C-alpha atoms as a PDB file:
ATOM      1  CA  MET A   1      -3.475  -5.944 -12.421  1.00  0.00           C
ATOM      2  CA  THR A   2      -4.670  -9.296 -10.231  1.00  0.00           C
ATOM      3  CA  ASN A   3      -6.573  -9.233  -7.279  1.00  0.00           C
ATOM      4  CA  SER A   4      -3.219  -9.065  -5.719  1.00  0.00           C
ATOM      5  CA  GLN A   5      -3.662  -5.760  -6.171  1.00  0.00           C
ATOM      6  CA  MET A   6      -6.858  -5.371  -4.604  1.00  0.00           C
ATOM      7  CA  ASN A   7      -5.773  -7.183  -1.238  1.00  0.00           C
ATOM      8  CA  PHE A   8      -2.408  -4.867  -1.733  1.00  0.00           C
ATOM      9  CA  ALA A   9      -4.938  -1.498  -1.346  1.00  0.00           C
ATOM     10  CA  PHE A  10      -7.732  -2.539   1.460  1.00  0.00           C
ATOM     11  CA  PHE A  11      -4.138  -4.101   3.516  1.00  0.00           C
ATOM     12  CA  SER A  12      -2.618  -0.411   2.902  1.00  0.00           C
ATOM     13  CA  ALA A  13      -5.898   1.676   2.821  1.00  0.00           C
ATOM     14  CA  ASN A  14      -6.667  -0.371   6.933  1.00  0.00           C
ATOM     15  CA  LEU A  15      -2.897  -0.104   8.401  1.00  0.00           C
ATOM     16  CA  HIS A  16      -3.132   3.484   7.440  1.00  0.00           C
ATOM     17  CA  HIS A  17      -6.390   4.281   8.948  1.00  0.00           C
ATOM     18  CA  TYR A  18      -4.971   2.664  12.422  1.00  0.00           C
ATOM     19  CA  VAL A  19      -1.336   3.765  11.769  1.00  0.00           C
ATOM     20  CA  PRO A  20      -1.074   7.113   9.887  1.00  0.00           C
ATOM     21  CA  ALA A  21       2.607   7.045  11.117  1.00  0.00           C
ATOM     22  CA  ILE A  22       3.665   4.961   8.720  1.00  0.00           C
ATOM     23  CA  PRO A  23       4.838   6.430   5.401  1.00  0.00           C
ATOM     24  CA  TRP A  24       2.580   5.472   2.097  1.00  0.00           C
ATOM     25  CA  GLU A  25       5.636   4.345   0.448  1.00  0.00           C
ATOM     26  CA  ASP A  26       6.732   1.590   3.141  1.00  0.00           C
ATOM     27  CA  HIS A  27       3.005  -0.321   2.446  1.00  0.00           C
ATOM     28  CA  ASN A  28       4.643  -2.158  -0.754  1.00  0.00           C
ATOM     29  CA  LYS A  29       7.413  -3.732   1.574  1.00  0.00           C
ATOM     30  CA  LEU A  30       5.257  -4.184   4.547  1.00  0.00           C
ATOM     31  CA  TYR A  31       2.645  -6.161   2.092  1.00  0.00           C
ATOM     32  CA  SER A  32       5.534  -8.602   0.900  1.00  0.00           C
ATOM     33  CA  ILE A  33       6.976  -9.499   4.401  1.00  0.00           C
ATOM     34  CA  PHE A  34       3.061  -9.946   5.063  1.00  0.00           C
ATOM     35  CA  LYS A  35       2.431 -12.579   2.670  1.00  0.00           C
ATOM     36  CA  ARG A  36       5.643 -14.292   3.004  1.00  0.00           C
ATOM     37  CA  TYR A  37       4.552 -14.458   6.553  1.00  0.00           C
ATOM     38  CA  HIS A  38       1.258 -15.541   6.541  1.00  0.00           C
ATOM     39  CA  ILE A  39       1.375 -18.874   4.661  1.00  0.00           C
ATOM     40  CA  ALA A  40       0.299 -22.831   5.693  1.00  0.00           C
ATOM     41  CA  ARG A  41       3.410 -24.197   8.198  1.00  0.00           C
ATOM     42  CA  ASN A  42       4.310 -27.863   8.684  1.00  0.00           C
ATOM     43  CA  PRO A  43       3.853 -28.266  12.750  1.00  0.00           C
ATOM     44  CA  GLU A  44       6.687 -30.788  12.402  1.00  0.00           C
ATOM     45  CA  ASN A  45       8.952 -28.220  11.027  1.00  0.00           C
ATOM     46  CA  TYR A  46       8.972 -25.952  14.328  1.00  0.00           C
ATOM     47  CA  THR A  47       9.679 -26.544  17.708  1.00  0.00           C
ATOM     48  CA  PRO A  48       7.411 -24.495  19.882  1.00  0.00           C
ATOM     49  CA  THR A  49       8.434 -22.736  23.661  1.00  0.00           C
ATOM     50  CA  ILE A  50       5.568 -21.933  25.839  1.00  0.00           C
ATOM     51  CA  ALA A  51       5.845 -18.940  28.870  1.00  0.00           C
ATOM     52  CA  GLY A  52       3.784 -18.805  31.356  1.00  0.00           C
ATOM     53  CA  LEU A  53       2.196 -22.046  31.846  1.00  0.00           C
ATOM     54  CA  ASN A  54       2.136 -21.900  35.403  1.00  0.00           C
ATOM     55  CA  THR A  55      -0.111 -19.048  34.993  1.00  0.00           C
ATOM     56  CA  LEU A  56      -2.904 -21.914  34.551  1.00  0.00           C
ATOM     57  CA  SER A  57      -4.164 -22.027  37.840  1.00  0.00           C
ATOM     58  CA  GLN A  58      -7.937 -22.433  36.689  1.00  0.00           C
ATOM     59  CA  ALA A  59      -9.968 -23.524  33.563  1.00  0.00           C
ATOM     60  CA  GLY A  60     -10.323 -20.325  31.751  1.00  0.00           C
ATOM     61  CA  ILE A  61     -10.711 -18.713  28.331  1.00  0.00           C
ATOM     62  CA  LEU A  62      -7.152 -19.408  25.993  1.00  0.00           C
ATOM     63  CA  THR A  63      -7.624 -16.069  23.602  1.00  0.00           C
ATOM     64  CA  GLY A  64      -4.968 -15.868  20.725  1.00  0.00           C
ATOM     65  CA  PHE A  65      -5.368 -13.825  18.121  1.00  0.00           C
ATOM     66  CA  HIS A  66      -4.401 -14.322  14.193  1.00  0.00           C
ATOM     67  CA  LEU A  67      -0.291 -13.587  14.489  1.00  0.00           C
ATOM     68  CA  GLY A  68       0.904 -16.118  11.866  1.00  0.00           C
ATOM     69  CA  GLN A  69       0.454 -19.188  13.673  1.00  0.00           C
ATOM     70  CA  HIS A  70      -2.891 -19.834  14.250  1.00  0.00           C
ATOM     71  CA  GLU A  71      -3.156 -23.283  13.156  1.00  0.00           C
ATOM     72  CA  LEU A  72      -0.230 -24.482  14.856  1.00  0.00           C
ATOM     73  CA  LEU A  73      -1.269 -22.972  17.983  1.00  0.00           C
ATOM     74  CA  PRO A  74      -4.335 -25.805  19.279  1.00  0.00           C
ATOM     75  CA  LEU A  75      -1.294 -28.575  18.593  1.00  0.00           C
ATOM     76  CA  TYR A  76       1.431 -27.041  20.371  1.00  0.00           C
ATOM     77  CA  LEU A  77      -1.221 -26.043  23.557  1.00  0.00           C
ATOM     78  CA  ALA A  78      -2.746 -29.993  23.697  1.00  0.00           C
ATOM     79  CA  ARG A  79       1.391 -31.002  23.318  1.00  0.00           C
ATOM     80  CA  ALA A  80       2.443 -29.512  26.601  1.00  0.00           C
ATOM     81  CA  GLY A  81      -0.838 -30.974  28.322  1.00  0.00           C
ATOM     82  CA  ILE A  82      -3.068 -28.303  28.380  1.00  0.00           C
ATOM     83  CA  ASP A  83      -6.694 -29.837  28.072  1.00  0.00           C
ATOM     84  CA  PHE A  84      -9.049 -27.303  25.993  1.00  0.00           C
ATOM     85  CA  ASP A  85     -12.019 -27.394  23.578  1.00  0.00           C
ATOM     86  CA  ILE A  86     -12.445 -24.854  20.252  1.00  0.00           C
ATOM     87  CA  LEU A  87     -14.392 -22.018  20.037  1.00  0.00           C
ATOM     88  CA  ILE A  88     -14.839 -21.812  16.272  1.00  0.00           C
ATOM     89  CA  SER A  89     -17.247 -20.524  13.435  1.00  0.00           C
ATOM     90  CA  LYS A  90     -18.002 -22.920  11.060  1.00  0.00           C
ATOM     91  CA  LYS A  91     -16.852 -20.905   8.254  1.00  0.00           C
ATOM     92  CA  VAL A  92     -13.585 -21.001   9.731  1.00  0.00           C
ATOM     93  CA  TYR A  93     -14.080 -24.622  10.510  1.00  0.00           C
ATOM     94  CA  GLN A  94     -14.811 -25.125   7.071  1.00  0.00           C
ATOM     95  CA  LYS A  95     -11.586 -23.224   6.093  1.00  0.00           C
ATOM     96  CA  TYR A  96      -9.310 -25.097   8.109  1.00  0.00           C
ATOM     97  CA  GLN A  97     -10.972 -28.481   8.578  1.00  0.00           C
ATOM     98  CA  HIS A  98      -8.748 -30.688   7.055  1.00  0.00           C
ATOM     99  CA  SER A  99      -5.503 -29.426   9.544  1.00  0.00           C
ATOM    100  CA  LEU A 100      -7.710 -29.017  12.244  1.00  0.00           C
ATOM    101  CA  ASN A 101      -8.907 -32.723  12.141  1.00  0.00           C
ATOM    102  CA  LEU A 102      -5.766 -34.113  11.432  1.00  0.00           C
ATOM    103  CA  HIS A 103      -4.446 -32.313  14.694  1.00  0.00           C
ATOM    104  CA  ARG A 104      -7.208 -34.105  16.281  1.00  0.00           C
ATOM    105  CA  ALA A 105      -6.559 -37.610  14.701  1.00  0.00           C
ATOM    106  CA  ALA A 106      -3.227 -37.069  16.285  1.00  0.00           C
ATOM    107  CA  PHE A 107      -3.973 -36.910  19.501  1.00  0.00           C
ATOM    108  CA  GLY A 108      -6.594 -39.176  19.599  1.00  0.00           C
ATOM    109  CA  VAL A 109      -3.945 -41.933  18.953  1.00  0.00           C
ATOM    110  CA  SER A 110      -1.936 -40.411  22.336  1.00  0.00           C
ATOM    111  CA  ASP A 111      -5.638 -40.480  23.882  1.00  0.00           C
ATOM    112  CA  ARG A 112      -6.031 -36.978  24.124  1.00  0.00           C
ATOM    113  CA  HIS A 113      -8.494 -34.918  21.965  1.00  0.00           C
ATOM    114  CA  PHE A 114     -10.042 -31.430  21.546  1.00  0.00           C
ATOM    115  CA  ASN A 115     -13.658 -31.075  20.559  1.00  0.00           C
ATOM    116  CA  PHE A 116     -15.089 -28.048  17.956  1.00  0.00           C
ATOM    117  CA  LEU A 117     -17.965 -25.705  19.736  1.00  0.00           C
ATOM    118  CA  PHE A 118     -19.367 -23.433  16.951  1.00  0.00           C
ATOM    119  CA  ALA A 119     -20.498 -20.315  17.840  1.00  0.00           C
ATOM    120  CA  GLU A 120     -23.780 -20.334  15.748  1.00  0.00           C
ATOM    121  CA  ASP A 121     -25.333 -23.441  17.927  1.00  0.00           C
ATOM    122  CA  ARG A 122     -27.637 -22.462  20.296  1.00  0.00           C
ATOM    123  CA  HIS A 123     -26.290 -24.417  22.818  1.00  0.00           C
ATOM    124  CA  THR A 124     -23.018 -23.622  22.391  1.00  0.00           C
ATOM    125  CA  LEU A 125     -23.052 -20.900  26.202  1.00  0.00           C
ATOM    126  CA  LEU A 126     -24.086 -24.540  27.738  1.00  0.00           C
ATOM    127  CA  ARG A 127     -21.282 -26.430  25.946  1.00  0.00           C
ATOM    128  CA  ILE A 128     -18.810 -24.661  27.278  1.00  0.00           C
ATOM    129  CA  ARG A 129     -19.784 -24.189  30.289  1.00  0.00           C
ATOM    130  CA  ARG A 130     -19.671 -27.936  30.648  1.00  0.00           C
ATOM    131  CA  SER A 131     -16.052 -27.619  29.561  1.00  0.00           C
ATOM    132  CA  LEU A 132     -14.943 -25.276  32.036  1.00  0.00           C
ATOM    133  CA  TYR A 133     -16.535 -26.647  34.852  1.00  0.00           C
ATOM    134  CA  SER A 134     -15.155 -30.431  33.807  1.00  0.00           C
ATOM    135  CA  GLY A 135     -11.528 -28.537  33.882  1.00  0.00           C
ATOM    136  CA  ARG A 136     -11.020 -27.947  30.067  1.00  0.00           C
ATOM    137  CA  HIS A 137     -10.499 -24.604  28.839  1.00  0.00           C
ATOM    138  CA  ILE A 138     -11.988 -23.103  25.759  1.00  0.00           C
ATOM    139  CA  LEU A 139      -9.466 -21.744  22.961  1.00  0.00           C
ATOM    140  CA  LEU A 140     -10.454 -19.279  20.664  1.00  0.00           C
ATOM    141  CA  PHE A 141      -9.333 -15.767  18.956  1.00  0.00           C
ATOM    142  CA  ALA A 142     -10.138 -12.600  20.117  1.00  0.00           C
ATOM    143  CA  ASP A 143      -9.968 -10.628  16.194  1.00  0.00           C
ATOM    144  CA  GLY A 144     -11.391 -13.183  14.266  1.00  0.00           C
ATOM    145  CA  ASN A 145     -14.933 -11.740  14.729  1.00  0.00           C
ATOM    146  CA  MET A 146     -16.830 -14.348  13.252  1.00  0.00           C
ATOM    147  CA  GLY A 147     -19.641 -16.528  14.587  1.00  0.00           C
ATOM    148  CA  ALA A 148     -22.859 -15.547  16.369  1.00  0.00           C
ATOM    149  CA  ASP A 149     -24.712 -12.470  15.194  1.00  0.00           C
ATOM    150  CA  ASP A 150     -23.436  -9.840  17.272  1.00  0.00           C
ATOM    151  CA  SER A 151     -25.947  -6.903  15.343  1.00  0.00           C
ATOM    152  CA  ASP A 152     -27.909  -4.834  17.603  1.00  0.00           C
ATOM    153  CA  GLY A 153     -24.660  -3.054  19.754  1.00  0.00           C
ATOM    154  CA  LEU A 154     -23.181  -6.216  20.772  1.00  0.00           C
ATOM    155  CA  LEU A 155     -19.939  -5.360  19.285  1.00  0.00           C
ATOM    156  CA  VAL A 156     -17.337  -3.315  21.675  1.00  0.00           C
ATOM    157  CA  PRO A 157     -15.853  -0.333  20.411  1.00  0.00           C
ATOM    158  CA  VAL A 158     -12.418  -0.468  22.060  1.00  0.00           C
ATOM    159  CA  SER A 159      -8.846   1.740  21.030  1.00  0.00           C
ATOM    160  CA  PHE A 160      -6.684   0.660  18.713  1.00  0.00           C
ATOM    161  CA  PHE A 161      -3.486   2.701  17.882  1.00  0.00           C
ATOM    162  CA  LYS A 162      -5.147   5.935  16.367  1.00  0.00           C
ATOM    163  CA  GLU A 163      -8.448   4.715  16.100  1.00  0.00           C
ATOM    164  CA  LEU A 164     -11.459   2.333  17.135  1.00  0.00           C
ATOM    165  CA  LEU A 165     -11.524  -1.535  16.384  1.00  0.00           C
ATOM    166  CA  TYR A 166     -15.292  -3.052  16.440  1.00  0.00           C
ATOM    167  CA  VAL A 167     -14.683  -6.463  18.426  1.00  0.00           C
ATOM    168  CA  ARG A 168     -17.240  -9.062  19.560  1.00  0.00           C
ATOM    169  CA  ARG A 169     -17.719  -9.031  23.468  1.00  0.00           C
ATOM    170  CA  GLY A 170     -18.113 -12.843  23.653  1.00  0.00           C
ATOM    171  CA  ILE A 171     -14.836 -13.476  25.576  1.00  0.00           C
ATOM    172  CA  ALA A 172     -15.157 -10.973  28.265  1.00  0.00           C
ATOM    173  CA  PHE A 173     -19.556 -11.797  28.626  1.00  0.00           C
ATOM    174  CA  MET A 174     -18.342 -15.453  29.149  1.00  0.00           C
ATOM    175  CA  SER A 175     -15.934 -14.719  31.669  1.00  0.00           C
ATOM    176  CA  HIS A 176     -17.821 -12.719  33.721  1.00  0.00           C
ATOM    177  CA  LEU A 177     -21.340 -14.857  33.481  1.00  0.00           C
ATOM    178  CA  LEU A 178     -19.291 -18.091  33.982  1.00  0.00           C
ATOM    179  CA  LYS A 179     -16.709 -16.608  36.728  1.00  0.00           C
ATOM    180  CA  VAL A 180     -13.558 -18.121  35.135  1.00  0.00           C
ATOM    181  CA  PRO A 181     -10.095 -16.025  33.830  1.00  0.00           C
ATOM    182  CA  VAL A 182      -9.324 -15.111  30.376  1.00  0.00           C
ATOM    183  CA  TYR A 183      -5.567 -16.190  29.389  1.00  0.00           C
ATOM    184  CA  PRO A 184      -4.405 -13.901  26.637  1.00  0.00           C
ATOM    185  CA  ILE A 185      -1.845 -15.964  24.722  1.00  0.00           C
ATOM    186  CA  LEU A 186       0.970 -14.528  22.286  1.00  0.00           C
ATOM    187  CA  ASP A 187       2.729 -16.158  19.675  1.00  0.00           C
ATOM    188  CA  GLU A 188       5.842 -14.894  17.491  1.00  0.00           C
ATOM    189  CA  LEU A 189       8.263 -17.199  14.783  1.00  0.00           C
ATOM    190  CA  SER A 190      11.381 -16.630  15.350  1.00  0.00           C
ATOM    191  CA  SER A 191      13.400 -18.784  12.818  1.00  0.00           C
ATOM    192  CA  ASP A 192      12.632 -22.407  13.427  1.00  0.00           C
ATOM    193  CA  ILE A 193      11.088 -21.530  17.144  1.00  0.00           C
ATOM    194  CA  VAL A 194       7.483 -20.420  17.493  1.00  0.00           C
ATOM    195  CA  LYS A 195       7.055 -18.316  20.703  1.00  0.00           C
ATOM    196  CA  ILE A 196       4.042 -18.850  22.758  1.00  0.00           C
ATOM    197  CA  ASP A 197       3.537 -16.657  25.513  1.00  0.00           C
ATOM    198  CA  ILE A 198       0.693 -17.242  28.088  1.00  0.00           C
ATOM    199  CA  GLN A 199       0.161 -13.709  29.534  1.00  0.00           C
ATOM    200  CA  GLN A 200      -1.057 -12.974  33.172  1.00  0.00           C
ATOM    201  CA  PRO A 201      -5.181 -14.302  33.357  1.00  0.00           C
ATOM    202  CA  ILE A 202      -7.753 -11.156  33.220  1.00  0.00           C
ATOM    203  CA  CYS A 203     -10.253 -11.794  35.871  1.00  0.00           C
ATOM    204  CA  PRO A 204     -13.821 -10.879  36.563  1.00  0.00           C
ATOM    205  CA  SER A 205     -14.649  -8.540  39.068  1.00  0.00           C
ATOM    206  CA  PHE A 206     -18.067  -8.644  40.190  1.00  0.00           C
ATOM    207  CA  GLU A 207     -17.924  -5.510  42.217  1.00  0.00           C
ATOM    208  CA  ILE A 208     -17.608  -4.226  38.558  1.00  0.00           C
ATOM    209  CA  ALA A 209     -21.005  -4.464  36.281  1.00  0.00           C
ATOM    210  CA  ARG A 210     -21.266  -6.968  33.642  1.00  0.00           C
ATOM    211  CA  THR A 211     -21.373  -4.381  30.796  1.00  0.00           C
ATOM    212  CA  ASP A 212     -18.042  -2.397  32.342  1.00  0.00           C
ATOM    213  CA  TYR A 213     -15.956  -5.477  32.692  1.00  0.00           C
ATOM    214  CA  ILE A 214     -16.756  -6.617  29.198  1.00  0.00           C
ATOM    215  CA  GLN A 215     -15.184  -2.907  28.282  1.00  0.00           C
ATOM    216  CA  GLN A 216     -12.443  -2.991  30.084  1.00  0.00           C
ATOM    217  CA  CYS A 217     -11.397  -6.838  29.436  1.00  0.00           C
ATOM    218  CA  MET A 218     -11.692  -6.169  25.404  1.00  0.00           C
ATOM    219  CA  GLN A 219     -10.072  -3.124  25.824  1.00  0.00           C
ATOM    220  CA  GLN A 220      -7.131  -5.208  27.761  1.00  0.00           C
ATOM    221  CA  LEU A 221      -7.163  -7.524  25.162  1.00  0.00           C
ATOM    222  CA  PHE A 222      -6.350  -5.183  22.280  1.00  0.00           C
ATOM    223  CA  ASP A 223      -4.030  -3.531  24.079  1.00  0.00           C
ATOM    224  CA  ILE A 224      -1.565  -6.663  24.449  1.00  0.00           C
ATOM    225  CA  LEU A 225      -2.393  -7.117  21.054  1.00  0.00           C
ATOM    226  CA  SER A 226      -1.143  -3.298  19.853  1.00  0.00           C
ATOM    227  CA  ASP A 227       2.266  -3.405  21.978  1.00  0.00           C
ATOM    228  CA  ARG A 228       2.778  -6.667  20.524  1.00  0.00           C
ATOM    229  CA  LEU A 229       2.455  -5.368  17.227  1.00  0.00           C
ATOM    230  CA  ASN A 230       4.383  -2.278  17.590  1.00  0.00           C
ATOM    231  CA  ASP A 231       7.051  -2.306  14.505  1.00  0.00           C
ATOM    232  CA  ARG A 232       5.643  -5.890  13.692  1.00  0.00           C
ATOM    233  CA  TRP A 233       3.399  -4.540  11.772  1.00  0.00           C
ATOM    234  CA  ALA A 234       2.978  -7.300   9.143  1.00  0.00           C
ATOM    235  CA  ASP A 235       2.731 -10.356  12.249  1.00  0.00           C
ATOM    236  CA  TRP A 236      -1.272  -9.191  12.648  1.00  0.00           C
ATOM    237  CA  ALA A 237      -3.083 -11.248   9.959  1.00  0.00           C
ATOM    238  CA  CYS A 238      -6.007  -8.906   9.670  1.00  0.00           C
ATOM    239  CA  TRP A 239      -5.066  -6.047   8.313  1.00  0.00           C
ATOM    240  CA  ASP A 240      -6.471  -7.428   4.591  1.00  0.00           C
ATOM    241  CA  TYR A 241      -9.489  -8.102   5.581  1.00  0.00           C
ATOM    242  CA  LEU A 242     -10.563  -6.253   8.994  1.00  0.00           C
ATOM    243  CA  HIS A 243     -12.562  -3.894   6.667  1.00  0.00           C
ATOM    244  CA  ARG A 244     -14.783  -6.970   5.547  1.00  0.00           C
ATOM    245  CA  ASN A 245     -15.796  -8.880   8.970  1.00  0.00           C
ATOM    246  CA  GLY A 246     -17.158  -5.802  10.772  1.00  0.00           C
ATOM    247  CA  MET A 247     -14.260  -4.873  12.851  1.00  0.00           C
ATOM    248  CA  LEU A 248     -13.691  -1.051  11.121  1.00  0.00           C
ATOM    249  CA  CYS A 249     -16.470   1.234  10.882  1.00  0.00           C
ATOM    250  CA  LEU A 250     -16.421   4.575   9.317  1.00  0.00           C
ATOM    251  CA  ILE A 251     -17.353   7.260  10.228  1.00  0.00           C
ATOM    252  CA  GLU A 252     -18.995   9.698   6.872  1.00  0.00           C
ATOM    253  CA  SER A 253     -16.702  11.862   5.856  1.00  0.00           C
ATOM    254  CA  ALA A 254     -16.996  15.693   3.895  1.00  0.00           C
ATOM    255  CA  ASP A 255     -16.652  15.485   0.197  1.00  0.00           C
ATOM    256  CA  ILE A 256     -13.031  15.242  -0.809  1.00  0.00           C
ATOM    257  CA  LEU A 257     -13.493  14.628  -4.778  1.00  0.00           C
ATOM    258  CA  GLY A 258     -10.783  17.686  -5.061  1.00  0.00           C
ATOM    259  CA  ASP A 259      -8.373  15.537  -3.464  1.00  0.00           C
ATOM    260  CA  LEU A 260      -9.338  11.990  -5.526  1.00  0.00           C
ATOM    261  CA  LEU A 261      -6.621  12.184  -7.770  1.00  0.00           C
ATOM    262  CA  SER A 262      -3.478  12.605  -5.303  1.00  0.00           C
ATOM    263  CA  PRO A 263      -1.330   9.869  -6.449  1.00  0.00           C
ATOM    264  CA  GLU A 264      -0.230   9.374  -2.955  1.00  0.00           C
ATOM    265  CA  HIS A 265      -3.061   7.545  -1.431  1.00  0.00           C
ATOM    266  CA  THR A 266      -4.959   6.520  -4.016  1.00  0.00           C
ATOM    267  CA  PHE A 267      -4.885   3.076  -6.283  1.00  0.00           C
ATOM    268  CA  ALA A 268      -5.900   1.309  -9.124  1.00  0.00           C
ATOM    269  CA  PHE A 269      -6.999  -2.160  -9.701  1.00  0.00           C
ATOM    270  CA  THR A 270      -8.961  -4.678 -11.105  1.00  0.00           C
ATOM    271  CA  LYS A 271     -11.707  -7.238 -10.740  1.00  0.00           C
ATOM    272  CA  GLY A 272     -12.926  -9.562 -13.396  1.00  0.00           C
ATOM    273  CA  SER A 273     -13.345  -6.730 -16.440  1.00  0.00           C
ATOM    274  CA  LYS A 274     -13.830  -3.644 -14.330  1.00  0.00           C
ATOM    275  CA  THR A 275     -10.969  -1.215 -13.368  1.00  0.00           C
ATOM    276  CA  PHE A 276     -11.650   0.311  -9.695  1.00  0.00           C
ATOM    277  CA  ILE A 277      -9.937   3.051  -7.845  1.00  0.00           C
ATOM    278  CA  LEU A 278      -9.839   3.263  -3.797  1.00  0.00           C
ATOM    279  CA  ASP A 279      -9.475   6.282  -2.249  1.00  0.00           C
ATOM    280  CA  ARG A 280      -7.122   4.553   0.893  1.00  0.00           C
ATOM    281  CA  LEU A 281      -7.411   8.016   2.698  1.00  0.00           C
ATOM    282  CA  ASN A 282     -11.225   7.238   3.215  1.00  0.00           C
ATOM    283  CA  TYR A 283     -12.412   4.462   1.480  1.00  0.00           C
ATOM    284  CA  ASN A 284     -14.380   5.963  -1.152  1.00  0.00           C
ATOM    285  CA  ILE A 285     -13.902   3.338  -4.240  1.00  0.00           C
ATOM    286  CA  PHE A 286     -14.790   4.446  -8.043  1.00  0.00           C
ATOM    287  CA  VAL A 287     -15.359   2.879 -11.232  1.00  0.00           C
ATOM    288  CA  ILE A 288     -13.289   3.759 -14.406  1.00  0.00           C
END
């Protein structure tokens, strides 16, 4: 067995945690679709269509999700004439640095550009405000859950299918503080067409306390995501790593060793020289 099996084990556990109605026996097929779908793509091989451009009446926070085209989305939005800067964590930038800088260089030739703003920097909020007030949007992803430290209660619980996700509150916090709308963006690959859909804005209300707006805004964003994922489960890249980025919070369960040997929800994989068994029902893991 390889780490491919380990990745499948956690993909399966995460999927079951939120959508237990999907039978265990369907997880292998969904994971095969998932792996084929989430690959690097050459932007020149696809034609983008963008709906909802007329909703961008004010500079705000363009909020995407990891639905398979997150590397292509900045390029296609910029080609459509949208001015924006990208808020990104340094780790994610390092991972995608080559392709992101290729896009940025291409824009420079046509006298267009976007800047990278790093979430960990102390003065990022001031830079975000400067961009927004100059008429430039900020592009980020709601489900990355990476960036500045959001410990000590700064993660917001939102309902997501049958459980809770714990997500960073920064999108809604910036929206309320800087008085700018949030523009949710969905994408979908259909043959060789990337369909991009800019949703109706979520606008801050100053009759609502900031903490209440943050909760409502983040819930609305993940309601939009959950509607998009219904019956298209493999489109979400986070299924195989949300247990690593703080989005998954488990309540300690009672001892269930009696159920451990059930082949329905246990899965064995090797890592290095060791073999592990993951109980996908409750994330208990054992070395054998």
